[in-house]
Amino acid sequence: MKIKKGDQIIVTAGKDKGRKGKVDVVFTATNSVIVPGINMYKRHTKKRDEKNPGGIIDKPRPLSPGNIAVICPKCNKPTRIGYVVTKGQKERICKKCEQRI
């Protein structure tokens, strides 16, 4: 997966299409990412003790990388990510402006 923690993204499909956010967690095993405030759903929890009173809480659900695009920090456009190997190091580049990300 070409998306990393801390990348600025924009949602390209689904109920939150057009919303922007920052990647918080990347799950490589399930090939998904979590972005706070995007793809939220309601979870009904039962009262456990004084610390966990229960009720309805909002939780973010994972997003598929196919439904998001990385925003290039140089050109501020949604882009795909490519790789270039220079001096034995693999670097990510923006496919639109060819700058390193």
PDB file of N, CA and C in Angstrom:
ATOM      1  N   MET A   1       0.846  -1.174   0.000  1.00  0.00           N
ATOM      2  CA  MET A   1       0.000   0.000   0.000  1.00  0.00           C
ATOM      3  C   MET A   1       0.894   1.241   0.000  1.00  0.00           C
ATOM      4  N   LYS A   2       0.512   2.223  -0.785  1.00  0.00           N
ATOM      5  CA  LYS A   2       1.347   3.407  -0.959  1.00  0.00           C
ATOM      6  C   LYS A   2       0.992   4.548  -0.018  1.00  0.00           C
ATOM      7  N   ILE A   3       0.000   4.347   0.833  1.00  0.00           N
ATOM      8  CA  ILE A   3      -0.432   5.382   1.775  1.00  0.00           C
ATOM      9  C   ILE A   3       0.222   5.138   3.120  1.00  0.00           C
ATOM     10  N   LYS A   4       0.721   6.229   3.730  1.00  0.00           N
ATOM     11  CA  LYS A   4       1.398   6.126   5.019  1.00  0.00           C
ATOM     12  C   LYS A   4       0.691   6.970   6.065  1.00  0.00           C
ATOM     13  N   LYS A   5       1.011   6.712   7.318  1.00  0.00           N
ATOM     14  CA  LYS A   5       0.468   7.497   8.416  1.00  0.00           C
ATOM     15  C   LYS A   5       0.944   8.943   8.275  1.00  0.00           C
ATOM     16  N   GLY A   6       0.023   9.888   8.450  1.00  0.00           N
ATOM     17  CA  GLY A   6       0.361  11.294   8.355  1.00  0.00           C
ATOM     18  C   GLY A   6       0.091  11.914   6.995  1.00  0.00           C
ATOM     19  N   ASP A   7      -0.248  11.119   5.983  1.00  0.00           N
ATOM     20  CA  ASP A   7      -0.552  11.653   4.650  1.00  0.00           C
ATOM     21  C   ASP A   7      -1.872  12.414   4.677  1.00  0.00           C
ATOM     22  N   GLN A   8      -1.924  13.526   3.959  1.00  0.00           N
ATOM     23  CA  GLN A   8      -3.174  14.249   3.759  1.00  0.00           C
ATOM     24  C   GLN A   8      -3.909  13.566   2.610  1.00  0.00           C
ATOM     25  N   ILE A   9      -5.196  13.252   2.821  1.00  0.00           N
ATOM     26  CA  ILE A   9      -5.957  12.542   1.798  1.00  0.00           C
ATOM     27  C   ILE A   9      -7.272  13.263   1.527  1.00  0.00           C
ATOM     28  N   ILE A  10      -7.894  12.899   0.399  1.00  0.00           N
ATOM     29  CA  ILE A  10      -9.238  13.335   0.064  1.00  0.00           C
ATOM     30  C   ILE A  10     -10.027  12.087  -0.313  1.00  0.00           C
ATOM     31  N   VAL A  11     -11.275  12.028   0.126  1.00  0.00           N
ATOM     32  CA  VAL A  11     -12.125  10.878  -0.175  1.00  0.00           C
ATOM     33  C   VAL A  11     -12.707  11.069  -1.571  1.00  0.00           C
ATOM     34  N   THR A  12     -12.564  10.048  -2.444  1.00  0.00           N
ATOM     35  CA  THR A  12     -13.017  10.146  -3.826  1.00  0.00           C
ATOM     36  C   THR A  12     -14.309   9.395  -4.090  1.00  0.00           C
ATOM     37  N   ALA A  13     -14.755   8.561  -3.143  1.00  0.00           N
ATOM     38  CA  ALA A  13     -15.993   7.803  -3.344  1.00  0.00           C
ATOM     39  C   ALA A  13     -16.639   7.517  -1.996  1.00  0.00           C
ATOM     40  N   GLY A  14     -17.955   7.391  -2.013  1.00  0.00           N
ATOM     41  CA  GLY A  14     -18.675   7.045  -0.791  1.00  0.00           C
ATOM     42  C   GLY A  14     -19.432   8.222  -0.212  1.00  0.00           C
ATOM     43  N   LYS A  15     -19.956   8.029   0.999  1.00  0.00           N
ATOM     44  CA  LYS A  15     -20.807   9.049   1.611  1.00  0.00           C
ATOM     45  C   LYS A  15     -20.051  10.318   2.000  1.00  0.00           C
ATOM     46  N   ASP A  16     -18.739  10.219   2.211  1.00  0.00           N
ATOM     47  CA  ASP A  16     -17.927  11.377   2.597  1.00  0.00           C
ATOM     48  C   ASP A  16     -17.105  11.922   1.443  1.00  0.00           C
ATOM     49  N   LYS A  17     -17.565  11.718   0.219  1.00  0.00           N
ATOM     50  CA  LYS A  17     -16.821  12.154  -0.972  1.00  0.00           C
ATOM     51  C   LYS A  17     -16.515  13.648  -0.906  1.00  0.00           C
ATOM     52  N   GLY A  18     -15.239  13.999  -1.144  1.00  0.00           N
ATOM     53  CA  GLY A  18     -14.806  15.385  -1.146  1.00  0.00           C
ATOM     54  C   GLY A  18     -14.227  15.861   0.173  1.00  0.00           C
ATOM     55  N   ARG A  19     -14.391  15.086   1.251  1.00  0.00           N
ATOM     56  CA  ARG A  19     -13.866  15.506   2.549  1.00  0.00           C
ATOM     57  C   ARG A  19     -12.376  15.189   2.634  1.00  0.00           C
ATOM     58  N   LYS A  20     -11.645  16.030   3.375  1.00  0.00           N
ATOM     59  CA  LYS A  20     -10.201  15.872   3.517  1.00  0.00           C
ATOM     60  C   LYS A  20      -9.863  15.502   4.949  1.00  0.00           C
ATOM     61  N   GLY A  21      -8.724  14.846   5.122  1.00  0.00           N
ATOM     62  CA  GLY A  21      -8.275  14.480   6.453  1.00  0.00           C
ATOM     63  C   GLY A  21      -6.858  13.969   6.433  1.00  0.00           C
ATOM     64  N   LYS A  22      -6.380  13.583   7.601  1.00  0.00           N
ATOM     65  CA  LYS A  22      -5.019  13.090   7.768  1.00  0.00           C
ATOM     66  C   LYS A  22      -5.093  11.640   8.240  1.00  0.00           C
ATOM     67  N   VAL A  23      -4.319  10.763   7.616  1.00  0.00           N
ATOM     68  CA  VAL A  23      -4.331   9.348   7.958  1.00  0.00           C
ATOM     69  C   VAL A  23      -3.785   9.160   9.368  1.00  0.00           C
ATOM     70  N   ASP A  24      -4.548   8.440  10.193  1.00  0.00           N
ATOM     71  CA  ASP A  24      -4.172   8.211  11.587  1.00  0.00           C
ATOM     72  C   ASP A  24      -3.589   6.816  11.782  1.00  0.00           C
ATOM     73  N   VAL A  25      -4.223   5.807  11.198  1.00  0.00           N
ATOM     74  CA  VAL A  25      -3.786   4.418  11.357  1.00  0.00           C
ATOM     75  C   VAL A  25      -3.823   3.740   9.995  1.00  0.00           C
ATOM     76  N   VAL A  26      -2.806   2.916   9.711  1.00  0.00           N
ATOM     77  CA  VAL A  26      -2.759   2.134   8.482  1.00  0.00           C
ATOM     78  C   VAL A  26      -2.750   0.657   8.858  1.00  0.00           C
ATOM     79  N   PHE A  27      -3.700  -0.103   8.311  1.00  0.00           N
ATOM     80  CA  PHE A  27      -3.764  -1.546   8.532  1.00  0.00           C
ATOM     81  C   PHE A  27      -3.307  -2.245   7.256  1.00  0.00           C
ATOM     82  N   THR A  28      -2.078  -2.760   7.262  1.00  0.00           N
ATOM     83  CA  THR A  28      -1.560  -3.408   6.062  1.00  0.00           C
ATOM     84  C   THR A  28      -2.165  -4.795   5.862  1.00  0.00           C
ATOM     85  N   ALA A  29      -2.540  -5.472   6.941  1.00  0.00           N
ATOM     86  CA  ALA A  29      -3.101  -6.816   6.825  1.00  0.00           C
ATOM     87  C   ALA A  29      -4.460  -6.791   6.126  1.00  0.00           C
ATOM     88  N   THR A  30      -5.295  -5.819   6.464  1.00  0.00           N
ATOM     89  CA  THR A  30      -6.626  -5.725   5.854  1.00  0.00           C
ATOM     90  C   THR A  30      -6.677  -4.714   4.716  1.00  0.00           C
ATOM     91  N   ASN A  31      -5.554  -4.057   4.427  1.00  0.00           N
ATOM     92  CA  ASN A  31      -5.440  -3.085   3.339  1.00  0.00           C
ATOM     93  C   ASN A  31      -6.466  -1.963   3.499  1.00  0.00           C
ATOM     94  N   SER A  32      -6.413  -1.279   4.647  1.00  0.00           N
ATOM     95  CA  SER A  32      -7.341  -0.193   4.917  1.00  0.00           C
ATOM     96  C   SER A  32      -6.683   0.853   5.804  1.00  0.00           C
ATOM     97  N   VAL A  33      -7.299   2.044   5.882  1.00  0.00           N
ATOM     98  CA  VAL A  33      -6.777   3.136   6.692  1.00  0.00           C
ATOM     99  C   VAL A  33      -7.916   3.752   7.503  1.00  0.00           C
ATOM    100  N   ILE A  34      -7.553   4.389   8.623  1.00  0.00           N
ATOM    101  CA  ILE A  34      -8.533   5.114   9.429  1.00  0.00           C
ATOM    102  C   ILE A  34      -8.158   6.590   9.416  1.00  0.00           C
ATOM    103  N   VAL A  35      -9.162   7.424   9.117  1.00  0.00           N
ATOM    104  CA  VAL A  35      -9.003   8.871   9.116  1.00  0.00           C
ATOM    105  C   VAL A  35     -10.004   9.430  10.126  1.00  0.00           C
ATOM    106  N   PRO A  36      -9.538  10.131  11.166  1.00  0.00           N
ATOM    107  CA  PRO A  36     -10.465  10.654  12.177  1.00  0.00           C
ATOM    108  C   PRO A  36     -11.494  11.616  11.577  1.00  0.00           C
ATOM    109  N   GLY A  37     -12.752  11.438  11.959  1.00  0.00           N
ATOM    110  CA  GLY A  37     -13.825  12.312  11.508  1.00  0.00           C
ATOM    111  C   GLY A  37     -14.428  11.941  10.174  1.00  0.00           C
ATOM    112  N   ILE A  38     -13.875  10.936   9.512  1.00  0.00           N
ATOM    113  CA  ILE A  38     -14.396  10.503   8.210  1.00  0.00           C
ATOM    114  C   ILE A  38     -14.844   9.052   8.320  1.00  0.00           C
ATOM    115  N   ASN A  39     -15.978   8.746   7.665  1.00  0.00           N
ATOM    116  CA  ASN A  39     -16.587   7.415   7.686  1.00  0.00           C
ATOM    117  C   ASN A  39     -16.964   7.009   9.113  1.00  0.00           C
ATOM    118  N   MET A  40     -17.636   7.924   9.803  1.00  0.00           N
ATOM    119  CA  MET A  40     -18.044   7.683  11.190  1.00  0.00           C
ATOM    120  C   MET A  40     -19.319   6.831  11.228  1.00  0.00           C
ATOM    121  N   TYR A  41     -19.450   6.032  12.279  1.00  0.00           N
ATOM    122  CA  TYR A  41     -20.674   5.282  12.510  1.00  0.00           C
ATOM    123  C   TYR A  41     -20.976   5.283  13.993  1.00  0.00           C
ATOM    124  N   LYS A  42     -22.224   5.001  14.335  1.00  0.00           N
ATOM    125  CA  LYS A  42     -22.671   5.028  15.721  1.00  0.00           C
ATOM    126  C   LYS A  42     -22.527   3.632  16.335  1.00  0.00           C
ATOM    127  N   ARG A  43     -22.022   3.600  17.558  1.00  0.00           N
ATOM    128  CA  ARG A  43     -21.841   2.346  18.286  1.00  0.00           C
ATOM    129  C   ARG A  43     -22.602   2.463  19.598  1.00  0.00           C
ATOM    130  N   HIS A  44     -23.521   1.536  19.843  1.00  0.00           N
ATOM    131  CA  HIS A  44     -24.293   1.517  21.087  1.00  0.00           C
ATOM    132  C   HIS A  44     -23.535   0.651  22.087  1.00  0.00           C
ATOM    133  N   THR A  45     -23.124   1.255  23.191  1.00  0.00           N
ATOM    134  CA  THR A  45     -22.344   0.517  24.185  1.00  0.00           C
ATOM    135  C   THR A  45     -23.134   0.371  25.481  1.00  0.00           C
ATOM    136  N   LYS A  46     -22.889  -0.721  26.135  1.00  0.00           N
ATOM    137  CA  LYS A  46     -23.545  -1.025  27.403  1.00  0.00           C
ATOM    138  C   LYS A  46     -22.725  -0.439  28.552  1.00  0.00           C
ATOM    139  N   LYS A  47     -23.388  -0.062  29.624  1.00  0.00           N
ATOM    140  CA  LYS A  47     -22.690   0.482  30.790  1.00  0.00           C
ATOM    141  C   LYS A  47     -21.832  -0.609  31.424  1.00  0.00           C
ATOM    142  N   ARG A  48     -20.568  -0.286  31.681  1.00  0.00           N
ATOM    143  CA  ARG A  48     -19.632  -1.236  32.292  1.00  0.00           C
ATOM    144  C   ARG A  48     -19.332  -0.861  33.739  1.00  0.00           C
ATOM    145  N   ASP A  49     -18.904   0.374  33.932  1.00  0.00           N
ATOM    146  CA  ASP A  49     -18.568   0.855  35.274  1.00  0.00           C
ATOM    147  C   ASP A  49     -18.617   2.382  35.256  1.00  0.00           C
ATOM    148  N   GLU A  50     -18.011   3.017  36.251  1.00  0.00           N
ATOM    149  CA  GLU A  50     -18.038   4.481  36.328  1.00  0.00           C
ATOM    150  C   GLU A  50     -17.264   5.142  35.181  1.00  0.00           C
ATOM    151  N   LYS A  51     -16.193   4.501  34.734  1.00  0.00           N
ATOM    152  CA  LYS A  51     -15.388   5.064  33.656  1.00  0.00           C
ATOM    153  C   LYS A  51     -16.087   4.940  32.304  1.00  0.00           C
ATOM    154  N   ASN A  52     -16.810   3.860  32.103  1.00  0.00           N
ATOM    155  CA  ASN A  52     -17.504   3.607  30.842  1.00  0.00           C
ATOM    156  C   ASN A  52     -19.016   3.636  31.078  1.00  0.00           C
ATOM    157  N   PRO A  53     -19.616   4.822  30.966  1.00  0.00           N
ATOM    158  CA  PRO A  53     -21.033   4.939  31.310  1.00  0.00           C
ATOM    159  C   PRO A  53     -21.976   4.336  30.269  1.00  0.00           C
ATOM    160  N   GLY A  54     -21.506   4.084  29.080  1.00  0.00           N
ATOM    161  CA  GLY A  54     -22.371   3.539  28.042  1.00  0.00           C
ATOM    162  C   GLY A  54     -23.055   4.641  27.267  1.00  0.00           C
ATOM    163  N   GLY A  55     -23.850   4.259  26.288  1.00  0.00           N
ATOM    164  CA  GLY A  55     -24.559   5.220  25.448  1.00  0.00           C
ATOM    165  C   GLY A  55     -24.176   5.045  23.991  1.00  0.00           C
ATOM    166  N   ILE A  56     -24.446   6.063  23.208  1.00  0.00           N
ATOM    167  CA  ILE A  56     -24.156   6.021  21.776  1.00  0.00           C
ATOM    168  C   ILE A  56     -22.899   6.846  21.520  1.00  0.00           C
ATOM    169  N   ILE A  57     -21.884   6.202  20.962  1.00  0.00           N
ATOM    170  CA  ILE A  57     -20.629   6.889  20.673  1.00  0.00           C
ATOM    171  C   ILE A  57     -20.346   6.812  19.169  1.00  0.00           C
ATOM    172  N   ASP A  58     -19.589   7.779  18.664  1.00  0.00           N
ATOM    173  CA  ASP A  58     -19.183   7.792  17.260  1.00  0.00           C
ATOM    174  C   ASP A  58     -17.792   7.190  17.145  1.00  0.00           C
ATOM    175  N   LYS A  59     -17.620   6.296  16.164  1.00  0.00           N
ATOM    176  CA  LYS A  59     -16.326   5.667  15.920  1.00  0.00           C
ATOM    177  C   LYS A  59     -16.019   5.747  14.433  1.00  0.00           C
ATOM    178  N   PRO A  60     -14.743   5.955  14.067  1.00  0.00           N
ATOM    179  CA  PRO A  60     -14.390   5.949  12.642  1.00  0.00           C
ATOM    180  C   PRO A  60     -14.230   4.514  12.141  1.00  0.00           C
ATOM    181  N   ARG A  61     -14.703   4.276  10.931  1.00  0.00           N
ATOM    182  CA  ARG A  61     -14.556   2.971  10.291  1.00  0.00           C
ATOM    183  C   ARG A  61     -13.424   3.032   9.285  1.00  0.00           C
ATOM    184  N   PRO A  62     -12.781   1.904   9.024  1.00  0.00           N
ATOM    185  CA  PRO A  62     -11.688   1.900   8.045  1.00  0.00           C
ATOM    186  C   PRO A  62     -12.169   2.226   6.629  1.00  0.00           C
ATOM    187  N   LEU A  63     -11.290   2.846   5.863  1.00  0.00           N
ATOM    188  CA  LEU A  63     -11.544   3.179   4.465  1.00  0.00           C
ATOM    189  C   LEU A  63     -10.632   2.348   3.579  1.00  0.00           C
ATOM    190  N   SER A  64     -11.134   1.990   2.415  1.00  0.00           N
ATOM    191  CA  SER A  64     -10.323   1.284   1.434  1.00  0.00           C
ATOM    192  C   SER A  64      -9.423   2.292   0.716  1.00  0.00           C
ATOM    193  N   PRO A  65      -8.177   1.926   0.413  1.00  0.00           N
ATOM    194  CA  PRO A  65      -7.296   2.860  -0.300  1.00  0.00           C
ATOM    195  C   PRO A  65      -7.785   3.187  -1.705  1.00  0.00           C
ATOM    196  N   GLY A  66      -8.683   2.378  -2.253  1.00  0.00           N
ATOM    197  CA  GLY A  66      -9.235   2.675  -3.569  1.00  0.00           C
ATOM    198  C   GLY A  66     -10.219   3.825  -3.553  1.00  0.00           C
ATOM    199  N   ASN A  67     -10.713   4.192  -2.381  1.00  0.00           N
ATOM    200  CA  ASN A  67     -11.698   5.264  -2.257  1.00  0.00           C
ATOM    201  C   ASN A  67     -11.090   6.581  -1.790  1.00  0.00           C
ATOM    202  N   ILE A  68      -9.762   6.644  -1.701  1.00  0.00           N
ATOM    203  CA  ILE A  68      -9.102   7.869  -1.269  1.00  0.00           C
ATOM    204  C   ILE A  68      -7.941   8.185  -2.204  1.00  0.00           C
ATOM    205  N   ALA A  69      -7.533   9.458  -2.217  1.00  0.00           N
ATOM    206  CA  ALA A  69      -6.372   9.885  -3.000  1.00  0.00           C
ATOM    207  C   ALA A  69      -5.501  10.762  -2.113  1.00  0.00           C
ATOM    208  N   VAL A  70      -4.198  10.621  -2.249  1.00  0.00           N
ATOM    209  CA  VAL A  70      -3.252  11.420  -1.472  1.00  0.00           C
ATOM    210  C   VAL A  70      -3.176  12.814  -2.069  1.00  0.00           C
ATOM    211  N   ILE A  71      -3.134  13.827  -1.214  1.00  0.00           N
ATOM    212  CA  ILE A  71      -2.974  15.206  -1.662  1.00  0.00           C
ATOM    213  C   ILE A  71      -1.485  15.540  -1.618  1.00  0.00           C
ATOM    214  N   CYS A  72      -0.950  15.940  -2.753  1.00  0.00           N
ATOM    215  CA  CYS A  72       0.476  16.293  -2.848  1.00  0.00           C
ATOM    216  C   CYS A  72       0.732  17.580  -2.065  1.00  0.00           C
ATOM    217  N   PRO A  73       1.748  17.591  -1.182  1.00  0.00           N
ATOM    218  CA  PRO A  73       2.025  18.810  -0.430  1.00  0.00           C
ATOM    219  C   PRO A  73       2.612  19.938  -1.283  1.00  0.00           C
ATOM    220  N   LYS A  74       3.166  19.612  -2.440  1.00  0.00           N
ATOM    221  CA  LYS A  74       3.769  20.630  -3.304  1.00  0.00           C
ATOM    222  C   LYS A  74       2.725  21.325  -4.181  1.00  0.00           C
ATOM    223  N   CYS A  75       1.896  20.521  -4.902  1.00  0.00           N
ATOM    224  CA  CYS A  75       0.939  21.115  -5.840  1.00  0.00           C
ATOM    225  C   CYS A  75      -0.486  21.175  -5.290  1.00  0.00           C
ATOM    226  N   ASN A  76      -0.736  20.616  -4.116  1.00  0.00           N
ATOM    227  CA  ASN A  76      -2.041  20.626  -3.446  1.00  0.00           C
ATOM    228  C   ASN A  76      -3.162  20.045  -4.300  1.00  0.00           C
ATOM    229  N   LYS A  77      -2.847  18.996  -5.063  1.00  0.00           N
ATOM    230  CA  LYS A  77      -3.843  18.321  -5.880  1.00  0.00           C
ATOM    231  C   LYS A  77      -3.903  16.853  -5.492  1.00  0.00           C
ATOM    232  N   PRO A  78      -5.089  16.216  -5.629  1.00  0.00           N
ATOM    233  CA  PRO A  78      -5.155  14.769  -5.401  1.00  0.00           C
ATOM    234  C   PRO A  78      -4.345  14.063  -6.480  1.00  0.00           C
ATOM    235  N   THR A  79      -3.545  13.105  -6.073  1.00  0.00           N
ATOM    236  CA  THR A  79      -2.641  12.473  -7.023  1.00  0.00           C
ATOM    237  C   THR A  79      -2.444  11.001  -6.703  1.00  0.00           C
ATOM    238  N   ARG A  80      -1.870  10.308  -7.666  1.00  0.00           N
ATOM    239  CA  ARG A  80      -1.407   8.947  -7.425  1.00  0.00           C
ATOM    240  C   ARG A  80       0.048   9.029  -6.992  1.00  0.00           C
ATOM    241  N   ILE A  81       0.536   7.942  -6.429  1.00  0.00           N
ATOM    242  CA  ILE A  81       1.902   7.934  -5.921  1.00  0.00           C
ATOM    243  C   ILE A  81       2.734   6.955  -6.742  1.00  0.00           C
ATOM    244  N   GLY A  82       3.920   7.404  -7.107  1.00  0.00           N
ATOM    245  CA  GLY A  82       4.865   6.551  -7.799  1.00  0.00           C
ATOM    246  C   GLY A  82       6.145   6.457  -6.996  1.00  0.00           C
ATOM    247  N   TYR A  83       7.062   5.637  -7.469  1.00  0.00           N
ATOM    248  CA  TYR A  83       8.331   5.451  -6.772  1.00  0.00           C
ATOM    249  C   TYR A  83       9.491   5.673  -7.725  1.00  0.00           C
ATOM    250  N   VAL A  84      10.581   6.230  -7.191  1.00  0.00           N
ATOM    251  CA  VAL A  84      11.834   6.405  -7.921  1.00  0.00           C
ATOM    252  C   VAL A  84      12.947   5.927  -7.009  1.00  0.00           C
ATOM    253  N   VAL A  85      13.880   5.153  -7.559  1.00  0.00           N
ATOM    254  CA  VAL A  85      15.018   4.672  -6.782  1.00  0.00           C
ATOM    255  C   VAL A  85      16.224   5.529  -7.130  1.00  0.00           C
ATOM    256  N   THR A  86      16.744   6.247  -6.107  1.00  0.00           N
ATOM    257  CA  THR A  86      17.940   7.058  -6.293  1.00  0.00           C
ATOM    258  C   THR A  86      18.927   6.733  -5.189  1.00  0.00           C
ATOM    259  N   LYS A  87      20.151   6.447  -5.577  1.00  0.00           N
ATOM    260  CA  LYS A  87      21.224   6.113  -4.635  1.00  0.00           C
ATOM    261  C   LYS A  87      20.840   4.959  -3.711  1.00  0.00           C
ATOM    262  N   GLY A  88      20.103   4.000  -4.272  1.00  0.00           N
ATOM    263  CA  GLY A  88      19.731   2.823  -3.487  1.00  0.00           C
ATOM    264  C   GLY A  88      18.569   3.043  -2.540  1.00  0.00           C
ATOM    265  N   GLN A  89      17.970   4.235  -2.551  1.00  0.00           N
ATOM    266  CA  GLN A  89      16.823   4.506  -1.689  1.00  0.00           C
ATOM    267  C   GLN A  89      15.575   4.697  -2.541  1.00  0.00           C
ATOM    268  N   LYS A  90      14.473   4.118  -2.074  1.00  0.00           N
ATOM    269  CA  LYS A  90      13.206   4.211  -2.759  1.00  0.00           C
ATOM    270  C   LYS A  90      12.452   5.425  -2.219  1.00  0.00           C
ATOM    271  N   GLU A  91      12.053   6.341  -3.101  1.00  0.00           N
ATOM    272  CA  GLU A  91      11.363   7.555  -2.682  1.00  0.00           C
ATOM    273  C   GLU A  91      10.012   7.651  -3.369  1.00  0.00           C
ATOM    274  N   ARG A  92       9.027   8.175  -2.638  1.00  0.00           N
ATOM    275  CA  ARG A  92       7.698   8.370  -3.200  1.00  0.00           C
ATOM    276  C   ARG A  92       7.661   9.693  -3.964  1.00  0.00           C
ATOM    277  N   ILE A  93       6.974   9.700  -5.123  1.00  0.00           N
ATOM    278  CA  ILE A  93       6.843  10.919  -5.905  1.00  0.00           C
ATOM    279  C   ILE A  93       5.376  11.120  -6.294  1.00  0.00           C
ATOM    280  N   CYS A  94       5.038  12.387  -6.545  1.00  0.00           N
ATOM    281  CA  CYS A  94       3.717  12.763  -7.048  1.00  0.00           C
ATOM    282  C   CYS A  94       3.694  12.486  -8.541  1.00  0.00           C
ATOM    283  N   LYS A  95       2.656  11.830  -9.031  1.00  0.00           N
ATOM    284  CA  LYS A  95       2.561  11.524 -10.459  1.00  0.00           C
ATOM    285  C   LYS A  95       2.202  12.752 -11.298  1.00  0.00           C
ATOM    286  N   LYS A  96       1.674  13.805 -10.649  1.00  0.00           N
ATOM    287  CA  LYS A  96       1.299  14.996 -11.404  1.00  0.00           C
ATOM    288  C   LYS A  96       2.438  15.980 -11.568  1.00  0.00           C
ATOM    289  N   CYS A  97       3.151  16.279 -10.458  1.00  0.00           N
ATOM    290  CA  CYS A  97       4.199  17.293 -10.542  1.00  0.00           C
ATOM    291  C   CYS A  97       5.609  16.690 -10.442  1.00  0.00           C
ATOM    292  N   GLU A  98       5.704  15.364 -10.294  1.00  0.00           N
ATOM    293  CA  GLU A  98       6.989  14.647 -10.253  1.00  0.00           C
ATOM    294  C   GLU A  98       7.897  15.073  -9.101  1.00  0.00           C
ATOM    295  N   GLN A  99       7.329  15.663  -8.042  1.00  0.00           N
ATOM    296  CA  GLN A  99       8.110  16.067  -6.865  1.00  0.00           C
ATOM    297  C   GLN A  99       8.068  14.975  -5.806  1.00  0.00           C
ATOM    298  N   ARG A 100       9.113  14.913  -4.988  1.00  0.00           N
ATOM    299  CA  ARG A 100       9.161  13.941  -3.891  1.00  0.00           C
ATOM    300  C   ARG A 100       8.141  14.296  -2.814  1.00  0.00           C
ATOM    301  N   ILE A 101       7.521  13.287  -2.272  1.00  0.00           N
ATOM    302  CA  ILE A 101       6.527  13.490  -1.189  1.00  0.00           C
ATOM    303  C   ILE A 101       7.167  13.124   0.129  1.00  0.00           C
TER     304      ILE A 101
END
